């Protein structure tokens, strides 16, 4: 199957690439196609996330297994068509995990034929900025630190009110380690 996909930089300006790819390529090959279409040199890692209709980030598909989770499925082992399809037409792609170049990936069309090339750049619009656009992360609820009912605020959580925090009879004011003898 031939997938026609639009990849949009998460920025205020319109910057996107339209790609034609085989549904059988791996996510790793798709990562390479996206990165190259935007002019990246592939010196940084990337990752994909499944996304729902509201672009809420789901399961991660990293380029390498960093060992954080037992059930990690990496890009190389994931055919694009198993993750991106008519039922799930959206992904989030992040290139350069320190600078966070973030992209919205959306399946635009499926054609019942094989592409002449595994990946092909169909259309390019806009110029990539010199730096990744800034991200602002907002919580759906207000921060606990900004509310009056914070159980760990400085007024409610201090040694004066609770006495010795560990209940061992020793002062918690250690000063410097140089003040203590090594003879136990």
N, C-alpha and C. Protein backbone atom coordinates (compact mmCIF):
# COMPACT_ATOMS: atom_id res chain seq x y z
N UNK A 1 0.84 -1.18 0.00
CA UNK A 1 0.00 0.00 0.00
C UNK A 1 0.88 1.25 0.00
N UNK A 2 0.41 2.28 -0.65
CA UNK A 2 1.09 3.56 -0.68
C UNK A 2 0.40 4.49 0.30
N UNK A 3 1.18 5.04 1.22
CA UNK A 3 0.66 6.01 2.18
C UNK A 3 1.11 7.40 1.76
N UNK A 4 0.18 8.34 1.73
CA UNK A 4 0.53 9.75 1.55
C UNK A 4 0.34 10.40 2.91
N UNK A 5 1.43 10.97 3.40
CA UNK A 5 1.48 11.44 4.78
C UNK A 5 1.96 12.88 4.82
N UNK A 6 1.30 13.69 5.65
CA UNK A 6 1.75 15.06 5.90
C UNK A 6 2.41 15.11 7.27
N UNK A 7 3.61 15.71 7.30
CA UNK A 7 4.38 15.87 8.53
C UNK A 7 4.52 17.37 8.78
N UNK A 8 3.96 17.85 9.90
CA UNK A 8 3.87 19.28 10.18
C UNK A 8 4.70 19.60 11.42
N UNK A 9 5.61 20.57 11.29
CA UNK A 9 6.38 21.04 12.44
C UNK A 9 5.44 21.73 13.41
N UNK A 10 5.57 21.42 14.69
CA UNK A 10 4.78 22.07 15.73
C UNK A 10 5.34 23.47 15.96
N UNK A 11 4.85 24.42 15.15
CA UNK A 11 5.33 25.80 15.21
C UNK A 11 4.18 26.71 14.79
N UNK A 12 4.35 28.02 15.03
CA UNK A 12 3.33 28.97 14.64
C UNK A 12 3.27 29.13 13.12
N UNK A 13 4.43 29.05 12.46
CA UNK A 13 4.48 29.17 11.01
C UNK A 13 4.07 27.84 10.38
N UNK A 14 3.59 27.90 9.15
CA UNK A 14 3.26 26.67 8.42
C UNK A 14 4.53 26.10 7.81
N UNK A 15 4.97 24.98 8.33
CA UNK A 15 6.16 24.29 7.82
C UNK A 15 5.81 22.81 7.80
N UNK A 16 5.73 22.23 6.59
CA UNK A 16 5.36 20.83 6.51
C UNK A 16 5.98 20.17 5.28
N UNK A 17 5.95 18.84 5.30
CA UNK A 17 6.42 18.03 4.19
C UNK A 17 5.36 16.96 3.92
N UNK A 18 5.11 16.70 2.64
CA UNK A 18 4.23 15.61 2.23
C UNK A 18 5.11 14.50 1.69
N UNK A 19 4.91 13.31 2.22
CA UNK A 19 5.72 12.16 1.83
C UNK A 19 4.82 11.04 1.29
N UNK A 20 5.35 10.27 0.35
CA UNK A 20 4.71 9.03 -0.10
C UNK A 20 5.63 7.91 0.35
N UNK A 21 5.06 6.95 1.07
CA UNK A 21 5.87 5.85 1.61
C UNK A 21 5.10 4.54 1.51
N UNK A 22 5.84 3.47 1.53
CA UNK A 22 5.22 2.14 1.60
C UNK A 22 4.77 1.88 3.03
N UNK A 23 3.64 1.24 3.18
CA UNK A 23 3.17 0.90 4.53
C UNK A 23 4.04 -0.16 5.18
N UNK A 24 4.94 -0.77 4.40
CA UNK A 24 5.79 -1.85 4.93
C UNK A 24 7.14 -1.38 5.45
N UNK A 25 7.48 -0.09 5.25
CA UNK A 25 8.76 0.36 5.78
C UNK A 25 8.70 0.37 7.30
N UNK A 26 9.85 0.28 7.92
CA UNK A 26 9.91 0.33 9.38
C UNK A 26 9.77 1.79 9.84
N UNK A 27 9.42 1.95 11.11
CA UNK A 27 9.40 3.30 11.67
C UNK A 27 10.78 3.93 11.60
N UNK A 28 11.83 3.11 11.68
CA UNK A 28 13.19 3.64 11.58
C UNK A 28 13.42 4.25 10.19
N UNK A 29 13.01 3.58 9.14
CA UNK A 29 13.14 4.13 7.80
C UNK A 29 12.27 5.38 7.63
N UNK A 30 11.11 5.39 8.26
CA UNK A 30 10.24 6.56 8.22
C UNK A 30 10.88 7.73 8.95
N UNK A 31 11.50 7.45 10.08
CA UNK A 31 12.26 8.47 10.84
C UNK A 31 13.33 9.09 9.94
N UNK A 32 14.06 8.27 9.22
CA UNK A 32 15.11 8.77 8.33
C UNK A 32 14.51 9.64 7.23
N UNK A 33 13.40 9.20 6.64
CA UNK A 33 12.75 9.96 5.57
C UNK A 33 12.28 11.33 6.07
N UNK A 34 11.66 11.36 7.25
CA UNK A 34 11.19 12.63 7.81
C UNK A 34 12.37 13.54 8.10
N UNK A 35 13.37 13.02 8.81
CA UNK A 35 14.53 13.84 9.19
C UNK A 35 15.21 14.42 7.95
N UNK A 36 15.42 13.62 6.94
CA UNK A 36 16.06 14.11 5.73
C UNK A 36 15.19 15.12 4.99
N UNK A 37 13.89 14.92 4.98
CA UNK A 37 13.01 15.85 4.27
C UNK A 37 13.03 17.24 4.90
N UNK A 38 13.34 17.32 6.19
CA UNK A 38 13.44 18.61 6.87
C UNK A 38 14.88 19.13 6.94
N UNK A 39 15.82 18.36 6.39
CA UNK A 39 17.21 18.81 6.33
C UNK A 39 18.06 18.47 7.53
N UNK A 40 17.59 17.57 8.39
CA UNK A 40 18.41 17.15 9.52
C UNK A 40 19.48 16.17 9.05
N UNK A 41 20.61 16.14 9.76
CA UNK A 41 21.72 15.28 9.34
C UNK A 41 21.72 13.90 10.01
N UNK A 42 20.69 13.58 10.74
CA UNK A 42 20.54 12.29 11.43
C UNK A 42 21.58 12.06 12.52
N UNK A 43 22.15 13.13 13.05
CA UNK A 43 23.12 12.99 14.13
C UNK A 43 22.44 12.88 15.49
N UNK A 44 21.13 13.09 15.54
CA UNK A 44 20.37 13.02 16.80
C UNK A 44 19.35 11.89 16.73
N UNK A 45 18.93 11.43 17.91
CA UNK A 45 17.91 10.38 17.98
C UNK A 45 16.52 10.97 17.77
N UNK A 46 15.61 10.10 17.42
CA UNK A 46 14.22 10.49 17.28
C UNK A 46 13.34 9.44 17.92
N UNK A 47 12.07 9.77 18.07
CA UNK A 47 11.11 8.82 18.63
C UNK A 47 9.72 9.13 18.08
N UNK A 48 8.89 8.12 18.02
CA UNK A 48 7.50 8.28 17.61
C UNK A 48 6.60 7.99 18.81
N UNK A 49 5.43 8.62 18.82
CA UNK A 49 4.39 8.32 19.80
C UNK A 49 3.10 8.10 19.03
N UNK A 50 2.35 7.09 19.44
CA UNK A 50 0.99 6.95 18.93
C UNK A 50 0.22 8.18 19.41
N UNK A 51 -0.78 8.61 18.65
CA UNK A 51 -1.58 9.77 19.05
C UNK A 51 -3.03 9.53 18.68
N UNK A 52 -3.93 10.08 19.50
CA UNK A 52 -5.36 9.95 19.19
C UNK A 52 -5.83 11.16 18.38
N UNK A 53 -7.12 11.29 18.19
CA UNK A 53 -7.68 12.36 17.38
C UNK A 53 -7.39 13.76 17.94
N UNK A 54 -7.16 13.86 19.24
CA UNK A 54 -6.86 15.15 19.87
C UNK A 54 -5.35 15.36 20.02
N UNK A 55 -4.57 14.51 19.39
CA UNK A 55 -3.10 14.56 19.43
C UNK A 55 -2.55 14.29 20.83
N UNK A 56 -3.27 13.54 21.64
CA UNK A 56 -2.77 13.15 22.95
C UNK A 56 -1.76 12.02 22.74
N UNK A 57 -0.60 12.22 23.32
CA UNK A 57 0.52 11.29 23.17
C UNK A 57 0.23 9.96 23.84
N UNK A 58 0.51 8.87 23.11
CA UNK A 58 0.30 7.53 23.63
C UNK A 58 1.61 6.77 23.76
N UNK A 59 1.62 5.51 23.34
CA UNK A 59 2.78 4.62 23.45
C UNK A 59 3.95 5.17 22.65
N UNK A 60 5.15 5.05 23.22
CA UNK A 60 6.37 5.52 22.56
C UNK A 60 7.02 4.39 21.79
N UNK A 61 7.59 4.73 20.63
CA UNK A 61 8.36 3.81 19.79
C UNK A 61 9.72 4.44 19.53
N UNK A 62 10.69 4.22 20.44
CA UNK A 62 12.00 4.89 20.32
C UNK A 62 12.89 4.21 19.27
N UNK A 63 13.97 4.90 18.91
CA UNK A 63 14.90 4.35 17.94
C UNK A 63 15.77 3.27 18.58
N UNK A 64 16.02 3.39 19.89
CA UNK A 64 16.76 2.36 20.62
C UNK A 64 16.07 2.11 21.95
N UNK A 65 16.27 0.93 22.48
CA UNK A 65 15.71 0.58 23.79
C UNK A 65 16.66 1.13 24.85
N UNK A 66 16.20 2.11 25.61
CA UNK A 66 17.01 2.72 26.65
C UNK A 66 16.94 1.94 27.96
N UNK A 67 16.15 0.88 28.01
CA UNK A 67 16.08 0.05 29.20
C UNK A 67 15.16 0.57 30.28
N UNK A 68 14.32 1.55 29.98
CA UNK A 68 13.42 2.11 31.00
C UNK A 68 12.19 1.26 31.22
N UNK A 69 11.76 0.53 30.19
CA UNK A 69 10.56 -0.29 30.30
C UNK A 69 10.85 -1.67 29.75
N UNK A 70 10.16 -2.67 30.28
CA UNK A 70 10.39 -4.05 29.84
C UNK A 70 9.80 -4.36 28.48
N UNK A 71 8.73 -3.67 28.10
CA UNK A 71 8.01 -4.02 26.87
C UNK A 71 8.22 -3.01 25.74
N UNK A 72 9.37 -2.37 25.70
CA UNK A 72 9.65 -1.37 24.66
C UNK A 72 9.72 -2.03 23.29
N UNK A 73 9.02 -1.43 22.33
CA UNK A 73 9.09 -1.87 20.94
C UNK A 73 9.80 -0.75 20.18
N UNK A 74 10.93 -1.09 19.56
CA UNK A 74 11.72 -0.05 18.90
C UNK A 74 11.30 0.13 17.45
N UNK A 75 11.73 1.25 16.87
CA UNK A 75 11.35 1.61 15.50
C UNK A 75 11.70 0.52 14.49
N UNK A 76 12.89 -0.02 14.59
CA UNK A 76 13.36 -1.00 13.62
C UNK A 76 12.43 -2.21 13.52
N UNK A 77 11.77 -2.56 14.63
CA UNK A 77 10.91 -3.74 14.69
C UNK A 77 9.44 -3.44 14.42
N UNK A 78 9.12 -2.21 14.01
CA UNK A 78 7.72 -1.81 13.85
C UNK A 78 7.45 -1.35 12.42
N UNK A 79 6.71 -2.14 11.64
CA UNK A 79 6.31 -1.67 10.30
C UNK A 79 5.34 -0.50 10.44
N UNK A 80 5.51 0.51 9.61
CA UNK A 80 4.68 1.71 9.67
C UNK A 80 3.19 1.38 9.62
N UNK A 81 2.79 0.45 8.75
CA UNK A 81 1.38 0.12 8.57
C UNK A 81 0.72 -0.51 9.78
N UNK A 82 1.51 -1.06 10.72
CA UNK A 82 0.91 -1.63 11.93
C UNK A 82 0.53 -0.56 12.93
N UNK A 83 1.12 0.62 12.79
CA UNK A 83 0.87 1.70 13.74
C UNK A 83 0.03 2.82 13.14
N UNK A 84 0.29 3.13 11.88
CA UNK A 84 -0.41 4.21 11.21
C UNK A 84 -1.34 3.60 10.16
N UNK A 85 -2.65 3.82 10.33
CA UNK A 85 -3.64 3.25 9.41
C UNK A 85 -4.93 4.06 9.49
N UNK A 86 -5.96 3.63 8.78
CA UNK A 86 -7.22 4.39 8.75
C UNK A 86 -7.84 4.52 10.14
N UNK A 87 -7.69 3.51 10.98
CA UNK A 87 -8.25 3.57 12.33
C UNK A 87 -7.42 4.45 13.25
N UNK A 88 -6.13 4.52 13.01
CA UNK A 88 -5.21 5.32 13.82
C UNK A 88 -4.33 6.15 12.88
N UNK A 89 -4.86 7.28 12.38
CA UNK A 89 -4.14 8.02 11.34
C UNK A 89 -3.13 9.05 11.84
N UNK A 90 -2.82 9.08 13.14
CA UNK A 90 -1.95 10.13 13.67
C UNK A 90 -0.80 9.58 14.52
N UNK A 91 0.33 10.25 14.38
CA UNK A 91 1.51 9.99 15.21
C UNK A 91 2.12 11.33 15.60
N UNK A 92 2.91 11.30 16.64
CA UNK A 92 3.75 12.44 17.00
C UNK A 92 5.18 11.97 16.82
N UNK A 93 5.99 12.79 16.16
CA UNK A 93 7.39 12.47 15.93
C UNK A 93 8.25 13.54 16.58
N UNK A 94 9.27 13.13 17.32
CA UNK A 94 10.19 14.06 17.95
C UNK A 94 11.60 13.72 17.48
N UNK A 95 12.27 14.72 16.93
CA UNK A 95 13.66 14.58 16.50
C UNK A 95 14.52 15.41 17.43
N UNK A 96 15.65 14.86 17.85
CA UNK A 96 16.59 15.53 18.76
C UNK A 96 15.93 15.71 20.12
N UNK A 97 16.11 14.74 20.97
CA UNK A 97 15.40 14.69 22.24
C UNK A 97 15.82 15.78 23.22
N UNK A 98 16.90 16.48 22.95
CA UNK A 98 17.29 17.61 23.80
C UNK A 98 16.62 18.91 23.33
N UNK A 99 16.56 19.12 22.03
CA UNK A 99 15.97 20.34 21.50
C UNK A 99 14.48 20.19 21.18
N UNK A 100 14.02 18.95 21.09
CA UNK A 100 12.59 18.65 20.94
C UNK A 100 11.95 19.26 19.69
N UNK A 101 12.49 18.92 18.53
CA UNK A 101 11.81 19.27 17.29
C UNK A 101 10.59 18.34 17.22
N UNK A 102 9.41 18.88 17.37
CA UNK A 102 8.18 18.07 17.44
C UNK A 102 7.35 18.24 16.17
N UNK A 103 6.80 17.12 15.70
CA UNK A 103 6.05 17.11 14.46
C UNK A 103 4.75 16.32 14.63
N UNK A 104 3.72 16.79 13.95
CA UNK A 104 2.47 16.06 13.86
C UNK A 104 2.49 15.29 12.54
N UNK A 105 2.22 14.01 12.62
CA UNK A 105 2.25 13.13 11.44
C UNK A 105 0.83 12.64 11.21
N UNK A 106 0.31 12.91 10.00
CA UNK A 106 -1.06 12.50 9.74
C UNK A 106 -1.17 11.80 8.38
N UNK A 107 -1.81 10.64 8.41
CA UNK A 107 -2.08 9.88 7.20
C UNK A 107 -3.17 10.60 6.42
N UNK A 108 -2.83 11.03 5.19
CA UNK A 108 -3.79 11.78 4.38
C UNK A 108 -4.55 10.89 3.41
N UNK A 109 -3.85 9.86 2.88
CA UNK A 109 -4.49 9.04 1.86
C UNK A 109 -3.78 7.69 1.77
N UNK A 110 -4.56 6.65 1.48
CA UNK A 110 -4.01 5.32 1.22
C UNK A 110 -4.39 4.93 -0.20
N UNK A 111 -3.39 4.53 -0.97
CA UNK A 111 -3.65 4.06 -2.33
C UNK A 111 -3.28 2.59 -2.43
N UNK A 112 -4.09 1.86 -3.16
CA UNK A 112 -3.90 0.40 -3.29
C UNK A 112 -2.89 0.09 -4.40
N UNK A 113 -1.68 0.53 -4.18
CA UNK A 113 -0.58 0.25 -5.10
C UNK A 113 0.73 0.41 -4.35
N UNK A 114 1.76 -0.15 -4.89
CA UNK A 114 3.08 -0.02 -4.29
C UNK A 114 3.78 1.22 -4.84
N UNK A 115 4.50 1.95 -4.00
CA UNK A 115 5.22 3.12 -4.49
C UNK A 115 6.43 2.70 -5.32
N UNK A 116 6.89 3.61 -6.19
CA UNK A 116 8.07 3.30 -7.00
C UNK A 116 9.34 3.32 -6.14
N UNK A 117 9.33 4.11 -5.09
CA UNK A 117 10.44 4.18 -4.12
C UNK A 117 9.85 3.92 -2.73
N UNK A 118 10.63 3.36 -1.80
CA UNK A 118 10.09 3.13 -0.45
C UNK A 118 9.66 4.43 0.24
N UNK A 119 10.39 5.53 -0.02
CA UNK A 119 10.01 6.84 0.51
C UNK A 119 10.26 7.88 -0.56
N UNK A 120 9.35 8.86 -0.64
CA UNK A 120 9.49 9.91 -1.65
C UNK A 120 8.93 11.21 -1.09
N UNK A 121 9.68 12.30 -1.24
CA UNK A 121 9.21 13.62 -0.85
C UNK A 121 8.33 14.15 -1.97
N UNK A 122 7.06 14.40 -1.68
CA UNK A 122 6.12 14.89 -2.68
C UNK A 122 6.05 16.41 -2.73
N UNK A 123 6.10 17.04 -1.54
CA UNK A 123 5.92 18.48 -1.47
C UNK A 123 6.59 19.01 -0.22
N UNK A 124 7.20 20.18 -0.33
CA UNK A 124 7.86 20.82 0.79
C UNK A 124 7.36 22.25 0.90
N UNK A 125 6.92 22.65 2.10
CA UNK A 125 6.43 24.00 2.30
C UNK A 125 7.07 24.56 3.56
N UNK A 126 7.65 25.75 3.45
CA UNK A 126 8.22 26.44 4.60
C UNK A 126 9.66 26.04 4.86
N UNK A 127 10.34 26.93 5.55
CA UNK A 127 11.75 26.72 5.88
C UNK A 127 11.88 26.46 7.37
N UNK A 128 12.64 25.46 7.69
CA UNK A 128 12.88 25.10 9.09
C UNK A 128 13.62 26.24 9.79
N UNK A 129 13.18 26.68 10.97
CA UNK A 129 13.91 27.72 11.69
C UNK A 129 15.27 27.19 12.18
N UNK A 130 16.14 28.10 12.59
CA UNK A 130 17.47 27.71 13.07
C UNK A 130 17.41 26.91 14.36
N UNK A 131 16.41 27.18 15.19
CA UNK A 131 16.25 26.48 16.46
C UNK A 131 14.85 25.91 16.56
N UNK A 132 14.73 24.85 17.35
CA UNK A 132 13.42 24.24 17.58
C UNK A 132 12.49 25.25 18.24
N UNK A 133 11.23 25.30 17.82
CA UNK A 133 10.28 26.21 18.48
C UNK A 133 10.13 25.85 19.95
N UNK A 134 9.97 26.89 20.78
CA UNK A 134 9.81 26.67 22.22
C UNK A 134 8.51 25.95 22.50
N UNK A 135 8.55 25.11 23.50
CA UNK A 135 7.36 24.37 23.93
C UNK A 135 6.90 24.91 25.27
N UNK A 136 5.61 24.93 25.46
CA UNK A 136 5.06 25.25 26.78
C UNK A 136 4.19 24.08 27.18
N UNK A 137 4.49 23.54 28.32
CA UNK A 137 3.74 22.39 28.82
C UNK A 137 2.82 22.86 29.92
N UNK A 138 1.55 22.58 29.77
CA UNK A 138 0.55 23.02 30.73
C UNK A 138 -0.16 21.81 31.31
N UNK A 139 -0.37 21.86 32.59
CA UNK A 139 -1.11 20.82 33.26
C UNK A 139 -2.60 21.11 33.12
N UNK A 140 -3.40 20.04 33.11
CA UNK A 140 -4.84 20.23 33.04
C UNK A 140 -5.40 20.73 34.36
N UNK A 141 -4.65 20.59 35.42
CA UNK A 141 -5.09 21.11 36.71
C UNK A 141 -4.03 22.06 37.22
N UNK A 142 -4.39 22.91 38.14
CA UNK A 142 -3.42 23.88 38.63
C UNK A 142 -2.35 23.17 39.45
N UNK A 143 -1.22 23.78 39.50
CA UNK A 143 -0.09 23.21 40.23
C UNK A 143 -0.37 23.21 41.73
N UNK A 144 -0.03 22.12 42.38
CA UNK A 144 -0.24 22.02 43.83
C UNK A 144 0.56 23.06 44.57
N UNK A 145 1.69 23.47 44.01
CA UNK A 145 2.53 24.45 44.69
C UNK A 145 1.90 25.84 44.68
N UNK A 146 0.93 26.07 43.81
CA UNK A 146 0.28 27.37 43.73
C UNK A 146 -0.99 27.44 44.57
N UNK A 147 -1.34 26.38 45.26
CA UNK A 147 -2.59 26.38 46.01
C UNK A 147 -2.32 26.48 47.50
N UNK A 148 -3.33 26.88 48.23
CA UNK A 148 -3.21 27.02 49.68
C UNK A 148 -3.21 25.68 50.40
N UNK A 149 -3.65 24.62 49.74
CA UNK A 149 -3.76 23.33 50.40
C UNK A 149 -2.56 22.42 50.11
N UNK A 150 -1.42 22.99 49.77
CA UNK A 150 -0.22 22.21 49.51
C UNK A 150 0.30 21.61 50.82
N UNK A 151 0.33 20.27 50.93
CA UNK A 151 0.75 19.66 52.19
C UNK A 151 2.24 19.83 52.48
N UNK A 152 3.04 20.23 51.50
CA UNK A 152 4.48 20.36 51.70
C UNK A 152 4.95 21.80 51.64
N UNK A 153 4.04 22.75 51.82
CA UNK A 153 4.45 24.15 51.78
C UNK A 153 5.38 24.42 52.95
N UNK A 154 6.17 25.46 52.83
CA UNK A 154 7.20 25.75 53.84
C UNK A 154 6.60 25.99 55.21
N UNK A 155 5.37 26.47 55.29
CA UNK A 155 4.77 26.73 56.59
C UNK A 155 4.29 25.46 57.26
N UNK A 156 3.94 24.46 56.51
CA UNK A 156 3.41 23.23 57.11
C UNK A 156 4.48 22.15 57.25
N UNK A 157 5.57 22.26 56.53
CA UNK A 157 6.55 21.18 56.50
C UNK A 157 7.91 21.74 56.90
N UNK A 158 8.16 21.77 58.22
CA UNK A 158 9.46 22.23 58.69
C UNK A 158 9.80 21.54 60.00
N UNK A 159 11.06 21.58 60.36
CA UNK A 159 11.52 20.89 61.56
C UNK A 159 10.98 21.52 62.84
N UNK A 160 10.71 22.85 62.82
CA UNK A 160 10.19 23.49 64.03
C UNK A 160 8.85 22.89 64.43
N UNK A 161 8.00 22.65 63.48
CA UNK A 161 6.67 22.13 63.78
C UNK A 161 6.71 20.64 64.12
N UNK A 162 7.54 19.88 63.39
CA UNK A 162 7.55 18.44 63.56
C UNK A 162 8.64 17.94 64.50
N UNK A 163 9.54 18.83 64.94
CA UNK A 163 10.64 18.38 65.78
C UNK A 163 11.64 17.63 64.92
N UNK A 164 12.29 16.67 65.52
CA UNK A 164 13.26 15.89 64.77
C UNK A 164 12.52 15.03 63.77
N UNK A 165 12.80 15.23 62.51
CA UNK A 165 12.07 14.59 61.42
C UNK A 165 12.17 13.07 61.46
N UNK A 166 13.33 12.53 61.87
CA UNK A 166 13.54 11.09 61.84
C UNK A 166 13.28 10.41 63.18
N UNK A 167 13.08 11.18 64.22
CA UNK A 167 12.76 10.60 65.53
C UNK A 167 13.91 9.80 66.13
N UNK A 168 15.14 10.13 65.76
CA UNK A 168 16.27 9.35 66.26
C UNK A 168 17.02 10.06 67.38
N UNK A 169 16.54 11.25 67.82
CA UNK A 169 17.16 11.95 68.92
C UNK A 169 18.38 12.77 68.52
N UNK A 170 18.75 12.75 67.28
CA UNK A 170 19.91 13.51 66.82
C UNK A 170 19.45 14.73 66.05
N UNK A 171 20.26 15.74 66.08
CA UNK A 171 19.96 16.94 65.32
C UNK A 171 20.13 16.66 63.84
N UNK A 172 19.24 17.24 63.04
CA UNK A 172 19.36 17.10 61.59
C UNK A 172 20.25 18.17 60.98
N UNK A 173 20.84 19.04 61.82
CA UNK A 173 21.74 20.07 61.32
C UNK A 173 23.15 19.50 61.34
N UNK A 174 23.57 18.95 60.21
CA UNK A 174 24.84 18.23 60.15
C UNK A 174 26.04 19.12 59.96
N UNK A 175 25.86 20.32 59.47
CA UNK A 175 27.01 21.19 59.22
C UNK A 175 27.86 20.59 58.11
N UNK A 176 29.12 20.44 58.37
CA UNK A 176 30.05 19.92 57.38
C UNK A 176 30.51 18.53 57.79
N UNK A 177 30.80 17.68 56.84
CA UNK A 177 31.32 16.35 57.15
C UNK A 177 32.71 16.42 57.78
N UNK A 178 33.41 17.53 57.55
CA UNK A 178 34.75 17.70 58.13
C UNK A 178 34.69 17.82 59.64
N UNK A 179 33.51 18.16 60.20
CA UNK A 179 33.35 18.33 61.64
C UNK A 179 33.29 16.99 62.38
N UNK A 180 33.21 15.90 61.66
CA UNK A 180 33.03 14.61 62.30
C UNK A 180 34.26 13.75 62.17
N UNK A 181 34.52 13.00 63.20
CA UNK A 181 35.68 12.11 63.24
C UNK A 181 35.32 10.83 62.46
N UNK A 182 36.34 10.20 61.90
CA UNK A 182 36.11 8.92 61.20
C UNK A 182 36.18 7.75 62.18
N UNK A 183 36.45 8.00 63.46
CA UNK A 183 36.49 6.93 64.45
C UNK A 183 35.09 6.68 64.94
N UNK A 184 34.54 5.57 64.63
CA UNK A 184 33.16 5.29 65.02
C UNK A 184 33.14 4.58 66.31
